[in-house]
C-alpha atoms as a PDB file:
ATOM      1  CA  GLU A   1     -35.965  59.942   9.041  1.00  0.00           C
ATOM      2  CA  ARG A   2     -34.178  59.976   5.666  1.00  0.00           C
ATOM      3  CA  LEU A   3     -31.022  61.329   7.221  1.00  0.00           C
ATOM      4  CA  ARG A   4     -31.018  58.528   9.773  1.00  0.00           C
ATOM      5  CA  SER A   5     -31.482  55.930   7.023  1.00  0.00           C
ATOM      6  CA  PHE A   6     -28.503  57.369   5.073  1.00  0.00           C
ATOM      7  CA  LEU A   7     -26.364  57.409   8.192  1.00  0.00           C
ATOM      8  CA  ALA A   8     -27.213  53.787   8.961  1.00  0.00           C
ATOM      9  CA  ASP A   9     -24.626  53.002   6.221  1.00  0.00           C
ATOM     10  CA  LEU A  10     -21.263  52.803   8.015  1.00  0.00           C
ATOM     11  CA  ASP A  11     -19.401  54.491   5.142  1.00  0.00           C
ATOM     12  CA  MET A  12     -21.773  57.475   5.254  1.00  0.00           C
ATOM     13  CA  GLN A  13     -21.233  57.912   8.989  1.00  0.00           C
ATOM     14  CA  LYS A  14     -17.604  58.911   8.416  1.00  0.00           C
ATOM     15  CA  LEU A  15     -18.176  61.543   5.731  1.00  0.00           C
ATOM     16  CA  PRO A  16     -18.080  65.247   6.620  1.00  0.00           C
ATOM     17  CA  LEU A  17     -21.531  66.651   7.307  1.00  0.00           C
ATOM     18  CA  LEU A  18     -22.080  70.208   6.022  1.00  0.00           C
ATOM     19  CA  VAL A  19     -25.183  71.850   7.447  1.00  0.00           C
ATOM     20  CA  SER A  20     -26.357  75.262   6.257  1.00  0.00           C
ATOM     21  CA  GLY A  21     -29.508  76.937   7.434  1.00  0.00           C
ATOM     22  CA  ASN A  22     -31.060  79.643   9.522  1.00  0.00           C
ATOM     23  CA  GLU A  23     -30.651  78.681  13.171  1.00  0.00           C
ATOM     24  CA  THR A  24     -33.130  81.330  14.343  1.00  0.00           C
ATOM     25  CA  LYS A  25     -35.687  79.015  12.673  1.00  0.00           C
ATOM     26  CA  GLY A  26     -34.077  75.903  14.175  1.00  0.00           C
ATOM     27  CA  GLU A  27     -33.009  74.586  10.755  1.00  0.00           C
ATOM     28  CA  THR A  28     -29.468  73.477  11.591  1.00  0.00           C
ATOM     29  CA  SER A  29     -30.138  72.109  15.058  1.00  0.00           C
ATOM     30  CA  GLY A  30     -33.183  70.223  13.752  1.00  0.00           C
ATOM     31  CA  LEU A  31     -31.150  68.443  11.121  1.00  0.00           C
ATOM     32  CA  LEU A  32     -28.237  67.750  13.456  1.00  0.00           C
ATOM     33  CA  SER A  33     -30.536  66.313  16.131  1.00  0.00           C
ATOM     34  CA  SER A  34     -31.651  63.778  13.513  1.00  0.00           C
ATOM     35  CA  ALA A  35     -28.046  62.616  13.210  1.00  0.00           C
ATOM     36  CA  ASP A  36     -27.429  62.297  16.963  1.00  0.00           C
ATOM     37  CA  GLY A  37     -25.555  59.120  17.760  1.00  0.00           C
ATOM     38  CA  LEU A  38     -25.178  58.088  14.123  1.00  0.00           C
ATOM     39  CA  HIS A  39     -22.698  60.481  12.535  1.00  0.00           C
ATOM     40  CA  LYS A  40     -19.007  59.888  13.327  1.00  0.00           C
ATOM     41  CA  GLY A  41     -17.388  62.356  10.889  1.00  0.00           C
ATOM     42  CA  ASP A  42     -16.629  66.042  11.139  1.00  0.00           C
ATOM     43  CA  VAL A  43     -19.564  68.484  11.252  1.00  0.00           C
ATOM     44  CA  PHE A  44     -19.372  71.931   9.666  1.00  0.00           C
ATOM     45  CA  LYS A  45     -22.190  74.388  10.341  1.00  0.00           C
ATOM     46  CA  ASP A  46     -23.381  77.605   8.781  1.00  0.00           C
ATOM     47  CA  GLU A  47     -26.173  78.847  11.027  1.00  0.00           C
ATOM     48  CA  THR A  48     -26.678  82.214   9.356  1.00  0.00           C
ATOM     49  CA  ALA A  49     -27.977  81.275   5.898  1.00  0.00           C
ATOM     50  CA  THR A  50     -30.705  83.555   4.645  1.00  0.00           C
ATOM     51  CA  SER A  51     -31.480  82.022   1.255  1.00  0.00           C
ATOM     52  CA  THR A  52     -30.851  79.095  -1.056  1.00  0.00           C
ATOM     53  CA  GLN A  53     -28.087  81.149  -2.606  1.00  0.00           C
ATOM     54  CA  SER A  54     -26.304  81.818   0.682  1.00  0.00           C
ATOM     55  CA  ASN A  55     -26.574  78.076   1.470  1.00  0.00           C
ATOM     56  CA  ALA A  56     -24.969  77.292  -1.920  1.00  0.00           C
ATOM     57  CA  GLN A  57     -22.202  79.871  -1.551  1.00  0.00           C
ATOM     58  CA  TRP A  58     -21.225  78.609   1.894  1.00  0.00           C
ATOM     59  CA  THR A  59     -21.384  74.985   0.748  1.00  0.00           C
ATOM     60  CA  ALA A  60     -19.207  75.560  -2.323  1.00  0.00           C
ATOM     61  CA  GLN A  61     -16.675  77.479  -0.252  1.00  0.00           C
ATOM     62  CA  LYS A  62     -16.565  74.737   2.406  1.00  0.00           C
ATOM     63  CA  LEU A  63     -16.203  72.001  -0.247  1.00  0.00           C
ATOM     64  CA  GLN A  64     -13.218  73.921  -1.648  1.00  0.00           C
ATOM     65  CA  GLU A  65     -11.684  74.389   1.815  1.00  0.00           C
ATOM     66  CA  LEU A  66     -12.014  70.671   2.526  1.00  0.00           C
ATOM     67  CA  GLY A  67     -10.540  69.740  -0.856  1.00  0.00           C
ATOM     68  CA  ILE A  68     -13.648  67.801  -1.874  1.00  0.00           C
ATOM     69  CA  PHE A  69     -15.170  70.176  -4.442  1.00  0.00           C
ATOM     70  CA  GLY A  70     -16.534  67.976  -7.238  1.00  0.00           C
ATOM     71  CA  GLU A  71     -16.589  64.850  -5.078  1.00  0.00           C
ATOM     72  CA  PRO A  72     -19.950  63.123  -4.524  1.00  0.00           C
ATOM     73  CA  ILE A  73     -22.205  64.902  -2.013  1.00  0.00           C
ATOM     74  CA  ILE A  74     -25.640  64.090  -0.652  1.00  0.00           C
ATOM     75  CA  LEU A  75     -28.029  67.031  -0.685  1.00  0.00           C
ATOM     76  CA  PHE A  76     -30.707  67.286   1.979  1.00  0.00           C
ATOM     77  CA  ALA A  77     -33.225  69.999   1.141  1.00  0.00           C
ATOM     78  CA  PHE A  78     -36.969  70.341   1.560  1.00  0.00           C
ATOM     79  CA  PRO A  79     -38.462  68.703  -1.550  1.00  0.00           C
ATOM     80  CA  VAL A  80     -39.696  71.854  -3.254  1.00  0.00           C
ATOM     81  CA  LEU A  81     -36.289  73.465  -2.704  1.00  0.00           C
ATOM     82  CA  ALA A  82     -34.210  70.499  -3.888  1.00  0.00           C
ATOM     83  CA  ARG A  83     -34.279  71.588  -7.530  1.00  0.00           C
ATOM     84  CA  SER A  84     -33.381  75.190  -6.588  1.00  0.00           C
ATOM     85  CA  ALA A  85     -30.615  73.959  -4.325  1.00  0.00           C
ATOM     86  CA  VAL A  86     -29.086  71.883  -7.117  1.00  0.00           C
ATOM     87  CA  ASP A  87     -29.377  74.813  -9.553  1.00  0.00           C
ATOM     88  CA  ALA A  88     -27.811  77.179  -7.021  1.00  0.00           C
ATOM     89  CA  LEU A  89     -24.855  74.816  -6.594  1.00  0.00           C
ATOM     90  CA  VAL A  90     -24.431  73.903 -10.269  1.00  0.00           C
ATOM     91  CA  ILE A  91     -25.277  77.164 -12.069  1.00  0.00           C
ATOM     92  CA  GLY A  92     -24.443  79.644  -9.336  1.00  0.00           C
ATOM     93  CA  GLN A  93     -21.375  77.953  -7.785  1.00  0.00           C
ATOM     94  CA  LYS A  94     -20.130  75.649 -10.600  1.00  0.00           C
ATOM     95  CA  VAL A  95     -20.382  72.433  -8.517  1.00  0.00           C
ATOM     96  CA  PRO A  96     -20.479  69.504 -10.989  1.00  0.00           C
ATOM     97  CA  GLN A  97     -24.083  68.298 -11.223  1.00  0.00           C
ATOM     98  CA  ASP A  98     -23.103  64.623 -11.404  1.00  0.00           C
ATOM     99  CA  SER A  99     -21.530  64.951  -7.964  1.00  0.00           C
ATOM    100  CA  ILE A 100     -24.833  65.952  -6.270  1.00  0.00           C
ATOM    101  CA  TYR A 101     -27.270  63.308  -5.015  1.00  0.00           C
ATOM    102  CA  PRO A 102     -30.492  64.948  -3.746  1.00  0.00           C
ATOM    103  CA  VAL A 103     -32.314  62.965  -1.096  1.00  0.00           C
ATOM    104  CA  PHE A 104     -35.699  64.558  -1.777  1.00  0.00           C
ATOM    105  CA  ARG A 105     -37.432  65.197  -5.087  1.00  0.00           C
ATOM    106  CA  VAL A 106     -40.362  67.505  -5.789  1.00  0.00           C
ATOM    107  CA  GLY A 107     -42.430  64.329  -6.172  1.00  0.00           C
ATOM    108  CA  ASP A 108     -41.822  63.564  -2.501  1.00  0.00           C
ATOM    109  CA  LEU A 109     -44.250  66.287  -1.427  1.00  0.00           C
ATOM    110  CA  SER A 110     -47.356  65.003   0.261  1.00  0.00           C
ATOM    111  CA  ASP A 111     -50.692  65.151  -1.546  1.00  0.00           C
ATOM    112  CA  GLU A 112     -52.200  67.004   1.428  1.00  0.00           C
ATOM    113  CA  LEU A 113     -49.614  69.778   1.089  1.00  0.00           C
ATOM    114  CA  LEU A 114     -50.039  70.050  -2.657  1.00  0.00           C
ATOM    115  CA  LYS A 115     -53.852  70.288  -2.335  1.00  0.00           C
ATOM    116  CA  LEU A 116     -53.784  73.321  -0.034  1.00  0.00           C
ATOM    117  CA  PRO A 117     -55.208  76.451  -1.737  1.00  0.00           C
ATOM    118  CA  ASP A 118     -52.784  79.275  -2.508  1.00  0.00           C
ATOM    119  CA  ASP A 119     -54.413  81.495   0.120  1.00  0.00           C
ATOM    120  CA  ASP A 120     -53.588  78.979   2.908  1.00  0.00           C
ATOM    121  CA  ASN A 121     -50.560  80.166   4.949  1.00  0.00           C
ATOM    122  CA  GLY A 122     -49.071  76.651   4.874  1.00  0.00           C
ATOM    123  CA  SER A 123     -49.393  76.161   1.125  1.00  0.00           C
ATOM    124  CA  LEU A 124     -46.745  76.051  -1.522  1.00  0.00           C
ATOM    125  CA  LYS A 125     -47.747  78.881  -3.820  1.00  0.00           C
ATOM    126  CA  THR A 126     -48.498  77.647  -7.336  1.00  0.00           C
ATOM    127  CA  ARG A 127     -46.837  80.643  -9.032  1.00  0.00           C
ATOM    128  CA  TRP A 128     -43.653  80.143  -6.949  1.00  0.00           C
ATOM    129  CA  ILE A 129     -43.457  76.434  -7.792  1.00  0.00           C
ATOM    130  CA  GLN A 130     -44.093  77.130 -11.486  1.00  0.00           C
ATOM    131  CA  GLY A 131     -41.334  79.729 -11.481  1.00  0.00           C
ATOM    132  CA  LYS A 132     -38.867  77.298  -9.937  1.00  0.00           C
ATOM    133  CA  LEU A 133     -39.790  74.575 -12.421  1.00  0.00           C
ATOM    134  CA  GLU A 134     -39.434  77.009 -15.339  1.00  0.00           C
ATOM    135  CA  GLN A 135     -35.988  78.026 -14.087  1.00  0.00           C
ATOM    136  CA  ALA A 136     -34.998  74.341 -13.847  1.00  0.00           C
ATOM    137  CA  ASN A 137     -36.253  73.627 -17.378  1.00  0.00           C
ATOM    138  CA  ILE A 138     -34.133  76.362 -18.931  1.00  0.00           C
ATOM    139  CA  GLY A 139     -31.159  75.789 -16.635  1.00  0.00           C
ATOM    140  CA  SER A 140     -31.172  79.228 -15.083  1.00  0.00           C
ATOM    141  CA  TRP A 141     -30.642  80.290 -11.515  1.00  0.00           C
ATOM    142  CA  ALA A 142     -32.144  83.554 -10.322  1.00  0.00           C
ATOM    143  CA  GLY A 143     -30.646  83.837  -6.878  1.00  0.00           C
ATOM    144  CA  LYS A 144     -30.210  86.982  -4.865  1.00  0.00           C
ATOM    145  CA  PRO A 145     -27.249  89.218  -5.805  1.00  0.00           C
END
């Protein structure tokens, strides 16, 4: 829904769309199906991402290839991963932070999701969230090697 609202802006429709995710989980096709009929620019896909870090590495490389590294980009990431995605790009890949505009914030998570107990399979584990927030507070990125 948010992607469609961004792409309703005619200028946004022409920008390159970089999509990185794990296609075995339907991540890239799910996002691209949301843009059907709205996006008029080039689409670049990485369907083999295995982590936030691999998403960031591919994205930084593609931005360099396209000659738009450091230009404004819109970041679509699940709310709890948005902070990690920004850190992975900024700290891990040296993308200028002021060029990244995240669509989702941690505060966009639903109350129902946040209220799930840690032992629920669908919950966001409190310790994991706390770790991500602590990393963000000190400006560190602990991605996979």
